[in-house]
């Protein structure tokens, strides 16, 4: 193929262009009912505006689900294709970022996600509890993602599935503990 490079954009580049076009059409006026990370504040929406109250436990579960989603995205990026090649990293990733991070930054919640990433990094460096330190930022990111559900729907769906699995796992553990207690009582 004699060193001729194709000027046809890759599928990933086409998707990124479509995402950019989609997000440039979003109403970013201060009176828009949809919150975004734009520089103009939205007086109609604040972090305290919420139709359903959220508990700290829900925030912790969402934090864990987001971390699980981020880790699984990193894991899937590290999996080799069936030929045993890792592929062109330049084509798949920009500046070494995982696919999950690129996806999160491609939507309307880029600034919230970047703040969340920084909070996680700071907590890890200072060996603080991530859930406690980043609860508010995680809540803001979650609300932003829900407001931009058209884009973040796959992540929201994965988070919901992870949360359901954690709940199921906890219920199974409780059931095992109850059975263990019954056996101990019966043996006494």
N, C-alpha and C. Protein backbone atom coordinates (compact mmCIF):
# COMPACT_ATOMS: atom_id res chain seq x y z
N UNK A 1 0.82 -1.20 0.00
CA UNK A 1 0.00 0.00 0.00
C UNK A 1 0.85 1.24 0.00
N UNK A 2 2.08 1.17 -0.31
CA UNK A 2 3.00 2.23 -0.67
C UNK A 2 2.93 3.52 0.09
N UNK A 3 2.62 3.57 1.37
CA UNK A 3 2.71 4.78 2.18
C UNK A 3 1.63 5.80 1.91
N UNK A 4 0.57 5.47 1.23
CA UNK A 4 -0.51 6.41 0.99
C UNK A 4 -1.47 6.32 2.16
N UNK A 5 -1.71 7.45 2.82
CA UNK A 5 -2.62 7.43 3.95
C UNK A 5 -4.01 7.85 3.49
N UNK A 6 -4.98 7.27 4.12
CA UNK A 6 -6.37 7.55 3.76
C UNK A 6 -6.84 8.81 4.45
N UNK A 7 -7.59 9.61 3.73
CA UNK A 7 -8.15 10.82 4.34
C UNK A 7 -9.58 10.57 4.79
N UNK A 8 -10.02 9.34 4.72
CA UNK A 8 -11.37 9.00 5.18
C UNK A 8 -11.33 8.93 6.70
N UNK A 9 -12.23 9.67 7.39
CA UNK A 9 -12.21 9.66 8.86
C UNK A 9 -12.62 8.29 9.40
N UNK A 10 -12.00 7.90 10.50
CA UNK A 10 -12.33 6.63 11.13
C UNK A 10 -13.73 6.72 11.73
N UNK A 11 -14.26 5.56 12.08
CA UNK A 11 -15.59 5.50 12.67
C UNK A 11 -15.64 6.29 13.98
N UNK A 12 -14.56 6.20 14.77
CA UNK A 12 -14.50 6.92 16.04
C UNK A 12 -14.51 8.43 15.80
N UNK A 13 -13.77 8.88 14.80
CA UNK A 13 -13.73 10.31 14.50
C UNK A 13 -15.11 10.79 14.04
N UNK A 14 -15.80 9.98 13.25
CA UNK A 14 -17.14 10.35 12.81
C UNK A 14 -18.09 10.46 14.00
N UNK A 15 -17.99 9.50 14.94
CA UNK A 15 -18.84 9.55 16.13
C UNK A 15 -18.56 10.80 16.96
N UNK A 16 -17.27 11.14 17.10
CA UNK A 16 -16.91 12.33 17.87
C UNK A 16 -17.45 13.58 17.20
N UNK A 17 -17.39 13.63 15.87
CA UNK A 17 -17.91 14.79 15.16
C UNK A 17 -19.42 14.90 15.35
N UNK A 18 -20.12 13.75 15.31
CA UNK A 18 -21.56 13.77 15.52
C UNK A 18 -21.89 14.23 16.93
N UNK A 19 -21.10 13.77 17.92
CA UNK A 19 -21.34 14.18 19.29
C UNK A 19 -21.12 15.67 19.46
N UNK A 20 -20.08 16.19 18.83
CA UNK A 20 -19.80 17.61 18.93
C UNK A 20 -20.92 18.42 18.29
N UNK A 21 -21.42 17.96 17.15
CA UNK A 21 -22.51 18.66 16.49
C UNK A 21 -23.77 18.61 17.34
N UNK A 22 -24.04 17.46 17.95
CA UNK A 22 -25.21 17.31 18.80
C UNK A 22 -25.14 18.28 19.97
N UNK A 23 -23.97 18.38 20.59
CA UNK A 23 -23.84 19.20 21.79
C UNK A 23 -23.70 20.69 21.48
N UNK A 24 -23.41 21.06 20.25
CA UNK A 24 -23.37 22.48 19.94
C UNK A 24 -24.77 23.01 19.71
N UNK A 25 -25.75 22.13 19.53
CA UNK A 25 -27.12 22.55 19.33
C UNK A 25 -27.91 22.65 20.63
N UNK A 26 -27.29 22.34 21.76
CA UNK A 26 -27.95 22.39 23.06
C UNK A 26 -28.17 23.84 23.46
N UNK A 27 -29.36 24.11 24.01
CA UNK A 27 -29.68 25.46 24.46
C UNK A 27 -28.87 25.75 25.71
N UNK A 28 -27.91 26.65 25.61
CA UNK A 28 -27.07 26.96 26.77
C UNK A 28 -27.41 28.33 27.37
N UNK A 29 -28.60 28.82 27.07
CA UNK A 29 -28.99 30.11 27.64
C UNK A 29 -29.21 29.96 29.13
N UNK A 30 -29.09 31.06 29.88
CA UNK A 30 -29.26 30.96 31.33
C UNK A 30 -30.66 30.53 31.73
N UNK A 31 -31.65 30.65 30.85
CA UNK A 31 -33.01 30.29 31.18
C UNK A 31 -33.36 28.86 30.77
N UNK A 32 -32.40 28.12 30.27
CA UNK A 32 -32.64 26.75 29.86
C UNK A 32 -32.97 25.91 31.08
N UNK A 33 -33.98 25.03 31.00
CA UNK A 33 -34.33 24.20 32.15
C UNK A 33 -33.36 23.05 32.37
N UNK A 34 -32.47 22.80 31.42
CA UNK A 34 -31.51 21.71 31.55
C UNK A 34 -30.19 22.27 32.05
N UNK A 35 -29.72 21.78 33.22
CA UNK A 35 -28.44 22.28 33.72
C UNK A 35 -27.30 21.72 32.89
N UNK A 36 -26.29 22.52 32.74
CA UNK A 36 -25.09 22.04 32.04
C UNK A 36 -23.89 22.61 32.73
N UNK A 37 -22.74 22.28 32.22
CA UNK A 37 -21.50 22.78 32.80
C UNK A 37 -21.03 24.04 32.09
N UNK A 38 -21.95 24.75 31.48
CA UNK A 38 -21.54 25.96 30.79
C UNK A 38 -21.12 27.01 31.80
N UNK A 39 -20.43 28.04 31.33
CA UNK A 39 -19.94 29.08 32.23
C UNK A 39 -21.06 29.96 32.76
N UNK A 40 -22.19 30.00 32.08
CA UNK A 40 -23.28 30.85 32.54
C UNK A 40 -24.13 30.09 33.55
N UNK A 41 -24.32 30.64 34.75
CA UNK A 41 -25.09 29.95 35.77
C UNK A 41 -26.56 29.90 35.39
N UNK A 42 -27.24 28.88 35.83
CA UNK A 42 -28.65 28.72 35.55
C UNK A 42 -29.42 29.03 36.84
N UNK A 43 -30.10 30.18 36.93
CA UNK A 43 -30.77 30.54 38.16
C UNK A 43 -31.96 29.65 38.48
N UNK A 44 -32.48 28.91 37.51
CA UNK A 44 -33.63 28.07 37.76
C UNK A 44 -33.27 26.73 38.37
N UNK A 45 -31.99 26.36 38.38
CA UNK A 45 -31.59 25.04 38.84
C UNK A 45 -30.41 25.16 39.78
N UNK A 46 -30.51 24.53 40.92
CA UNK A 46 -29.37 24.50 41.84
C UNK A 46 -29.18 23.08 42.30
N UNK A 47 -28.07 22.82 42.99
CA UNK A 47 -27.81 21.48 43.48
C UNK A 47 -28.86 21.04 44.49
N UNK A 48 -29.49 21.98 45.16
CA UNK A 48 -30.48 21.61 46.15
C UNK A 48 -31.84 21.32 45.51
N UNK A 49 -32.01 21.67 44.22
CA UNK A 49 -33.25 21.37 43.52
C UNK A 49 -33.27 19.91 43.16
N UNK A 50 -34.18 19.18 43.77
CA UNK A 50 -34.30 17.77 43.46
C UNK A 50 -35.72 17.34 43.77
N UNK A 51 -36.34 16.66 42.83
CA UNK A 51 -37.71 16.19 43.04
C UNK A 51 -37.74 15.03 44.04
N UNK A 52 -36.70 14.21 44.05
CA UNK A 52 -36.65 13.09 44.96
C UNK A 52 -35.45 13.24 45.88
N UNK A 53 -35.66 13.14 47.19
CA UNK A 53 -34.53 13.27 48.10
C UNK A 53 -33.61 12.07 47.96
N UNK A 54 -32.32 12.32 48.06
CA UNK A 54 -31.33 11.25 47.96
C UNK A 54 -30.64 11.10 49.30
N UNK A 55 -30.44 9.88 49.69
CA UNK A 55 -29.77 9.63 50.95
C UNK A 55 -28.29 9.45 50.72
N UNK A 56 -27.53 9.52 51.79
CA UNK A 56 -26.09 9.33 51.70
C UNK A 56 -25.78 7.93 51.21
N UNK A 57 -26.58 6.95 51.61
CA UNK A 57 -26.39 5.58 51.17
C UNK A 57 -26.51 5.46 49.66
N UNK A 58 -27.49 6.16 49.08
CA UNK A 58 -27.65 6.13 47.63
C UNK A 58 -26.44 6.75 46.96
N UNK A 59 -25.94 7.83 47.52
CA UNK A 59 -24.76 8.48 46.96
C UNK A 59 -23.56 7.54 46.99
N UNK A 60 -23.40 6.81 48.09
CA UNK A 60 -22.29 5.88 48.20
C UNK A 60 -22.41 4.77 47.16
N UNK A 61 -23.65 4.28 46.97
CA UNK A 61 -23.85 3.23 45.97
C UNK A 61 -23.56 3.76 44.57
N UNK A 62 -23.98 4.99 44.29
CA UNK A 62 -23.71 5.57 42.97
C UNK A 62 -22.22 5.78 42.78
N UNK A 63 -21.54 6.20 43.83
CA UNK A 63 -20.09 6.39 43.76
C UNK A 63 -19.42 5.06 43.42
N UNK A 64 -19.84 4.00 44.10
CA UNK A 64 -19.26 2.68 43.83
C UNK A 64 -19.58 2.24 42.41
N UNK A 65 -20.80 2.46 41.98
CA UNK A 65 -21.19 2.05 40.63
C UNK A 65 -20.39 2.83 39.58
N UNK A 66 -20.19 4.12 39.82
CA UNK A 66 -19.38 4.91 38.89
C UNK A 66 -17.95 4.41 38.86
N UNK A 67 -17.41 4.08 40.03
CA UNK A 67 -16.05 3.56 40.08
C UNK A 67 -15.97 2.22 39.35
N UNK A 68 -17.00 1.36 39.56
CA UNK A 68 -17.03 0.07 38.89
C UNK A 68 -17.11 0.26 37.38
N UNK A 69 -17.95 1.21 36.94
CA UNK A 69 -18.08 1.48 35.51
C UNK A 69 -16.76 1.97 34.94
N UNK A 70 -16.10 2.84 35.68
CA UNK A 70 -14.82 3.37 35.22
C UNK A 70 -13.78 2.26 35.14
N UNK A 71 -13.76 1.39 36.16
CA UNK A 71 -12.79 0.30 36.16
C UNK A 71 -13.08 -0.68 35.04
N UNK A 72 -14.35 -1.01 34.80
CA UNK A 72 -14.66 -1.96 33.74
C UNK A 72 -14.34 -1.37 32.38
N UNK A 73 -14.49 -0.06 32.24
CA UNK A 73 -14.10 0.58 30.98
C UNK A 73 -12.59 0.49 30.79
N UNK A 74 -11.84 0.68 31.87
CA UNK A 74 -10.38 0.56 31.79
C UNK A 74 -10.00 -0.87 31.44
N UNK A 75 -10.68 -1.83 32.10
CA UNK A 75 -10.39 -3.24 31.84
C UNK A 75 -10.67 -3.59 30.39
N UNK A 76 -11.80 -3.11 29.85
CA UNK A 76 -12.13 -3.44 28.47
C UNK A 76 -11.15 -2.78 27.50
N UNK A 77 -10.59 -1.65 27.87
CA UNK A 77 -9.59 -1.00 27.02
C UNK A 77 -8.29 -1.80 27.00
N UNK A 78 -8.03 -2.55 28.06
CA UNK A 78 -6.78 -3.30 28.15
C UNK A 78 -6.87 -4.69 27.52
N UNK A 79 -8.06 -5.11 27.13
CA UNK A 79 -8.24 -6.43 26.53
C UNK A 79 -7.73 -6.41 25.10
N UNK A 80 -6.98 -7.43 24.75
CA UNK A 80 -6.45 -7.51 23.39
C UNK A 80 -7.54 -8.01 22.45
N UNK A 81 -7.44 -7.60 21.17
CA UNK A 81 -8.40 -8.10 20.20
C UNK A 81 -8.06 -9.54 19.85
N UNK A 82 -8.91 -10.21 19.06
CA UNK A 82 -8.75 -11.63 18.85
C UNK A 82 -7.50 -12.00 18.06
N UNK A 83 -6.86 -11.06 17.38
CA UNK A 83 -5.61 -11.34 16.67
C UNK A 83 -4.41 -11.26 17.60
N UNK A 84 -4.61 -10.82 18.84
CA UNK A 84 -3.51 -10.69 19.78
C UNK A 84 -2.85 -9.34 19.73
N UNK A 85 -3.30 -8.46 18.86
CA UNK A 85 -2.74 -7.11 18.77
C UNK A 85 -3.54 -6.19 19.66
N UNK A 86 -2.87 -5.20 20.20
CA UNK A 86 -3.59 -4.23 21.01
C UNK A 86 -4.20 -3.14 20.16
N UNK A 87 -3.85 -3.05 18.91
CA UNK A 87 -4.43 -2.03 18.03
C UNK A 87 -3.67 -0.73 18.16
N UNK A 88 -4.07 0.22 17.36
CA UNK A 88 -3.42 1.54 17.38
C UNK A 88 -3.96 2.33 18.55
N UNK A 89 -3.10 2.63 19.50
CA UNK A 89 -3.53 3.40 20.66
C UNK A 89 -3.91 4.81 20.26
N UNK A 90 -3.24 5.38 19.26
CA UNK A 90 -3.56 6.73 18.83
C UNK A 90 -4.99 6.80 18.31
N UNK A 91 -5.43 5.77 17.62
CA UNK A 91 -6.77 5.77 17.06
C UNK A 91 -7.82 5.58 18.15
N UNK A 92 -7.52 4.72 19.15
CA UNK A 92 -8.49 4.40 20.18
C UNK A 92 -8.54 5.42 21.30
N UNK A 93 -7.42 5.98 21.66
CA UNK A 93 -7.38 6.86 22.82
C UNK A 93 -6.60 8.12 22.52
N UNK A 94 -7.04 9.20 23.14
CA UNK A 94 -6.32 10.46 23.05
C UNK A 94 -5.61 10.68 24.37
N UNK A 95 -4.34 11.00 24.31
CA UNK A 95 -3.54 11.32 25.50
C UNK A 95 -3.63 10.26 26.59
N UNK A 96 -3.78 8.99 26.21
CA UNK A 96 -3.77 7.91 27.17
C UNK A 96 -5.02 7.77 28.01
N UNK A 97 -6.08 8.46 27.69
CA UNK A 97 -7.30 8.36 28.48
C UNK A 97 -8.11 7.14 28.05
N UNK A 98 -8.80 6.55 29.01
CA UNK A 98 -9.62 5.37 28.72
C UNK A 98 -10.87 5.79 27.94
N UNK A 99 -11.48 4.81 27.33
CA UNK A 99 -12.69 5.06 26.55
C UNK A 99 -13.81 5.64 27.40
N UNK A 100 -13.93 5.15 28.63
CA UNK A 100 -14.96 5.66 29.53
C UNK A 100 -14.77 7.15 29.79
N UNK A 101 -13.54 7.54 30.06
CA UNK A 101 -13.24 8.95 30.35
C UNK A 101 -13.54 9.82 29.13
N UNK A 102 -13.14 9.34 27.96
CA UNK A 102 -13.41 10.09 26.74
C UNK A 102 -14.91 10.24 26.52
N UNK A 103 -15.65 9.17 26.77
CA UNK A 103 -17.10 9.22 26.62
C UNK A 103 -17.70 10.24 27.60
N UNK A 104 -17.29 10.16 28.86
CA UNK A 104 -17.83 11.06 29.87
C UNK A 104 -17.53 12.52 29.53
N UNK A 105 -16.35 12.77 28.99
CA UNK A 105 -15.96 14.14 28.66
C UNK A 105 -16.58 14.61 27.35
N UNK A 106 -17.17 13.70 26.59
CA UNK A 106 -17.78 14.05 25.32
C UNK A 106 -19.17 14.62 25.45
N UNK A 107 -19.76 14.52 26.62
CA UNK A 107 -21.13 14.98 26.83
C UNK A 107 -21.18 16.32 27.55
N UNK A 108 -22.36 16.68 27.97
CA UNK A 108 -22.59 17.97 28.62
C UNK A 108 -22.09 18.07 30.05
N UNK A 109 -21.55 16.98 30.59
CA UNK A 109 -21.10 16.97 31.98
C UNK A 109 -19.59 16.88 32.09
N UNK A 110 -18.89 17.39 31.09
CA UNK A 110 -17.43 17.29 31.07
C UNK A 110 -16.82 17.92 32.32
N UNK A 111 -17.22 19.14 32.64
CA UNK A 111 -16.62 19.84 33.80
C UNK A 111 -16.92 19.11 35.11
N UNK A 112 -18.14 18.60 35.25
CA UNK A 112 -18.49 17.85 36.45
C UNK A 112 -17.66 16.58 36.56
N UNK A 113 -17.45 15.92 35.43
CA UNK A 113 -16.66 14.68 35.44
C UNK A 113 -15.20 14.98 35.77
N UNK A 114 -14.65 16.04 35.20
CA UNK A 114 -13.26 16.41 35.48
C UNK A 114 -13.11 16.72 36.98
N UNK A 115 -14.07 17.43 37.55
CA UNK A 115 -14.03 17.74 38.98
C UNK A 115 -14.10 16.45 39.80
N UNK A 116 -14.94 15.52 39.36
CA UNK A 116 -15.06 14.23 40.04
C UNK A 116 -13.74 13.46 39.97
N UNK A 117 -13.11 13.43 38.79
CA UNK A 117 -11.81 12.75 38.63
C UNK A 117 -10.77 13.35 39.57
N UNK A 118 -10.72 14.68 39.63
CA UNK A 118 -9.74 15.35 40.50
C UNK A 118 -9.99 15.00 41.96
N UNK A 119 -11.26 14.97 42.35
CA UNK A 119 -11.60 14.64 43.73
C UNK A 119 -11.15 13.22 44.06
N UNK A 120 -11.39 12.29 43.15
CA UNK A 120 -10.99 10.90 43.37
C UNK A 120 -9.47 10.81 43.49
N UNK A 121 -8.76 11.48 42.60
CA UNK A 121 -7.29 11.45 42.64
C UNK A 121 -6.76 12.03 43.95
N UNK A 122 -7.34 13.17 44.38
CA UNK A 122 -6.91 13.80 45.63
C UNK A 122 -7.16 12.88 46.83
N UNK A 123 -8.34 12.25 46.83
CA UNK A 123 -8.67 11.34 47.94
C UNK A 123 -7.72 10.15 47.97
N UNK A 124 -7.40 9.63 46.79
CA UNK A 124 -6.48 8.49 46.75
C UNK A 124 -5.09 8.88 47.21
N UNK A 125 -4.62 10.06 46.79
CA UNK A 125 -3.29 10.51 47.19
C UNK A 125 -3.20 10.74 48.69
N UNK A 126 -4.24 11.32 49.26
CA UNK A 126 -4.22 11.62 50.70
C UNK A 126 -4.80 10.48 51.54
N UNK A 127 -5.12 9.35 50.87
CA UNK A 127 -5.65 8.16 51.52
C UNK A 127 -6.91 8.45 52.33
N UNK A 128 -7.75 9.35 51.80
CA UNK A 128 -9.03 9.66 52.42
C UNK A 128 -10.10 8.73 51.85
N UNK A 129 -11.23 8.67 52.53
CA UNK A 129 -12.36 7.89 52.04
C UNK A 129 -12.97 8.61 50.84
N UNK A 130 -12.94 7.96 49.69
CA UNK A 130 -13.43 8.56 48.45
C UNK A 130 -14.90 8.92 48.55
N UNK A 131 -15.69 8.02 49.12
CA UNK A 131 -17.13 8.25 49.20
C UNK A 131 -17.43 9.50 50.02
N UNK A 132 -16.79 9.60 51.18
CA UNK A 132 -17.03 10.77 52.03
C UNK A 132 -16.53 12.06 51.38
N UNK A 133 -15.32 12.02 50.87
CA UNK A 133 -14.71 13.23 50.31
C UNK A 133 -15.45 13.73 49.07
N UNK A 134 -15.90 12.81 48.22
CA UNK A 134 -16.43 13.19 46.91
C UNK A 134 -17.95 13.06 46.80
N UNK A 135 -18.65 12.93 47.90
CA UNK A 135 -20.10 12.71 47.87
C UNK A 135 -20.83 13.84 47.14
N UNK A 136 -20.50 15.08 47.46
CA UNK A 136 -21.20 16.21 46.83
C UNK A 136 -20.91 16.29 45.33
N UNK A 137 -19.67 16.07 44.97
CA UNK A 137 -19.28 16.14 43.56
C UNK A 137 -19.93 14.99 42.79
N UNK A 138 -19.99 13.82 43.42
CA UNK A 138 -20.63 12.67 42.79
C UNK A 138 -22.11 12.95 42.57
N UNK A 139 -22.76 13.54 43.55
CA UNK A 139 -24.18 13.88 43.42
C UNK A 139 -24.38 14.88 42.29
N UNK A 140 -23.54 15.89 42.21
CA UNK A 140 -23.65 16.88 41.13
C UNK A 140 -23.44 16.22 39.76
N UNK A 141 -22.47 15.33 39.67
CA UNK A 141 -22.21 14.62 38.41
C UNK A 141 -23.41 13.75 38.05
N UNK A 142 -23.96 13.04 39.01
CA UNK A 142 -25.11 12.18 38.76
C UNK A 142 -26.30 12.99 38.27
N UNK A 143 -26.55 14.11 38.92
CA UNK A 143 -27.68 14.97 38.50
C UNK A 143 -27.46 15.51 37.10
N UNK A 144 -26.23 15.88 36.81
CA UNK A 144 -25.91 16.37 35.47
C UNK A 144 -26.15 15.27 34.44
N UNK A 145 -25.70 14.06 34.75
CA UNK A 145 -25.89 12.94 33.82
C UNK A 145 -27.37 12.65 33.62
N UNK A 146 -28.15 12.73 34.68
CA UNK A 146 -29.60 12.51 34.56
C UNK A 146 -30.25 13.60 33.70
N UNK A 147 -29.75 14.82 33.82
CA UNK A 147 -30.27 15.92 33.01
C UNK A 147 -29.88 15.76 31.55
N UNK A 148 -28.80 15.05 31.28
CA UNK A 148 -28.34 14.79 29.91
C UNK A 148 -28.45 13.30 29.60
N UNK A 149 -29.57 12.71 30.03
CA UNK A 149 -29.75 11.26 29.91
C UNK A 149 -29.70 10.77 28.47
N UNK A 150 -30.02 11.63 27.53
CA UNK A 150 -29.97 11.20 26.13
C UNK A 150 -28.56 10.76 25.75
N UNK A 151 -27.55 11.39 26.28
CA UNK A 151 -26.16 11.06 25.98
C UNK A 151 -25.62 10.00 26.95
N UNK A 152 -25.90 10.17 28.25
CA UNK A 152 -25.29 9.33 29.28
C UNK A 152 -26.11 8.08 29.60
N UNK A 153 -27.16 7.79 28.85
CA UNK A 153 -28.03 6.67 29.13
C UNK A 153 -27.29 5.34 29.27
N UNK A 154 -26.31 5.02 28.44
CA UNK A 154 -25.60 3.74 28.63
C UNK A 154 -24.90 3.65 29.99
N UNK A 155 -24.34 4.74 30.45
CA UNK A 155 -23.65 4.74 31.76
C UNK A 155 -24.68 4.65 32.88
N UNK A 156 -25.77 5.39 32.75
CA UNK A 156 -26.83 5.35 33.77
C UNK A 156 -27.38 3.93 33.88
N UNK A 157 -27.60 3.29 32.73
CA UNK A 157 -28.11 1.92 32.72
C UNK A 157 -27.11 0.96 33.38
N UNK A 158 -25.82 1.10 33.07
CA UNK A 158 -24.79 0.24 33.67
C UNK A 158 -24.70 0.47 35.18
N UNK A 159 -24.82 1.73 35.57
CA UNK A 159 -24.78 2.07 37.00
C UNK A 159 -25.96 1.44 37.73
N UNK A 160 -27.13 1.50 37.11
CA UNK A 160 -28.33 0.93 37.71
C UNK A 160 -28.18 -0.59 37.86
N UNK A 161 -27.62 -1.23 36.82
CA UNK A 161 -27.41 -2.68 36.87
C UNK A 161 -26.41 -3.03 37.97
N UNK A 162 -25.32 -2.28 38.08
CA UNK A 162 -24.31 -2.53 39.11
C UNK A 162 -24.93 -2.36 40.51
N UNK A 163 -25.75 -1.35 40.66
CA UNK A 163 -26.40 -1.10 41.95
C UNK A 163 -27.32 -2.27 42.31
N UNK A 164 -28.08 -2.76 41.32
CA UNK A 164 -28.96 -3.90 41.56
C UNK A 164 -28.17 -5.14 41.96
N UNK A 165 -27.01 -5.34 41.33
CA UNK A 165 -26.17 -6.49 41.65
C UNK A 165 -25.61 -6.38 43.07
N UNK A 166 -25.22 -5.18 43.47
CA UNK A 166 -24.71 -4.97 44.83
C UNK A 166 -25.81 -5.25 45.85
N UNK A 167 -27.01 -4.77 45.57
CA UNK A 167 -28.13 -5.00 46.48
C UNK A 167 -28.43 -6.49 46.58
N UNK A 168 -28.43 -7.17 45.45
CA UNK A 168 -28.68 -8.61 45.42
C UNK A 168 -27.61 -9.35 46.22
N UNK A 169 -26.36 -8.95 46.04
CA UNK A 169 -25.25 -9.56 46.76
C UNK A 169 -25.40 -9.36 48.28
N UNK A 170 -25.78 -8.14 48.68
CA UNK A 170 -25.98 -7.87 50.11
C UNK A 170 -27.12 -8.71 50.68
N UNK A 171 -28.19 -8.84 49.90
CA UNK A 171 -29.32 -9.65 50.36
C UNK A 171 -28.90 -11.11 50.52
N UNK A 172 -28.09 -11.62 49.59
CA UNK A 172 -27.60 -13.00 49.69
C UNK A 172 -26.73 -13.17 50.92
N UNK A 173 -25.88 -12.19 51.21
CA UNK A 173 -25.02 -12.26 52.40
C UNK A 173 -25.86 -12.27 53.68
N UNK A 174 -26.91 -11.43 53.71
CA UNK A 174 -27.78 -11.39 54.88
C UNK A 174 -28.48 -12.74 55.08
N UNK A 175 -28.92 -13.32 53.97
CA UNK A 175 -29.59 -14.61 54.04
C UNK A 175 -28.64 -15.69 54.55
N UNK A 176 -27.39 -15.67 54.10
CA UNK A 176 -26.40 -16.63 54.58
C UNK A 176 -26.13 -16.46 56.07
N UNK A 177 -26.07 -15.20 56.52
CA UNK A 177 -25.86 -14.92 57.95
C UNK A 177 -27.03 -15.46 58.77
N UNK A 178 -28.25 -15.28 58.29
CA UNK A 178 -29.42 -15.79 59.00
C UNK A 178 -29.37 -17.31 59.10
N UNK A 179 -29.01 -17.98 58.00
CA UNK A 179 -28.91 -19.43 58.00
C UNK A 179 -27.82 -19.89 58.96
N UNK A 180 -26.70 -19.18 58.98
CA UNK A 180 -25.59 -19.51 59.87
C UNK A 180 -26.03 -19.39 61.33
N UNK A 181 -26.78 -18.34 61.65
CA UNK A 181 -27.29 -18.14 63.00
C UNK A 181 -28.25 -19.26 63.39
N UNK A 182 -29.10 -19.68 62.45
CA UNK A 182 -30.04 -20.77 62.74
C UNK A 182 -29.30 -22.05 63.04
N UNK A 183 -28.24 -22.32 62.30
CA UNK A 183 -27.44 -23.53 62.52
C UNK A 183 -26.76 -23.46 63.88
N UNK A 184 -26.23 -22.29 64.24
CA UNK A 184 -25.57 -22.13 65.53
C UNK A 184 -26.56 -22.30 66.67
N UNK A 185 -27.76 -21.77 66.52
CA UNK A 185 -28.78 -21.89 67.56
C UNK A 185 -29.22 -23.34 67.70
N UNK A 186 -29.38 -24.01 66.57
CA UNK A 186 -29.82 -25.41 66.60
C UNK A 186 -28.75 -26.32 67.20
N UNK A 187 -27.48 -25.99 67.01
CA UNK A 187 -26.41 -26.83 67.55
C UNK A 187 -26.19 -26.61 69.04
N UNK A 188 -26.71 -25.52 69.58
CA UNK A 188 -26.55 -25.26 71.01
C UNK A 188 -27.63 -25.95 71.73
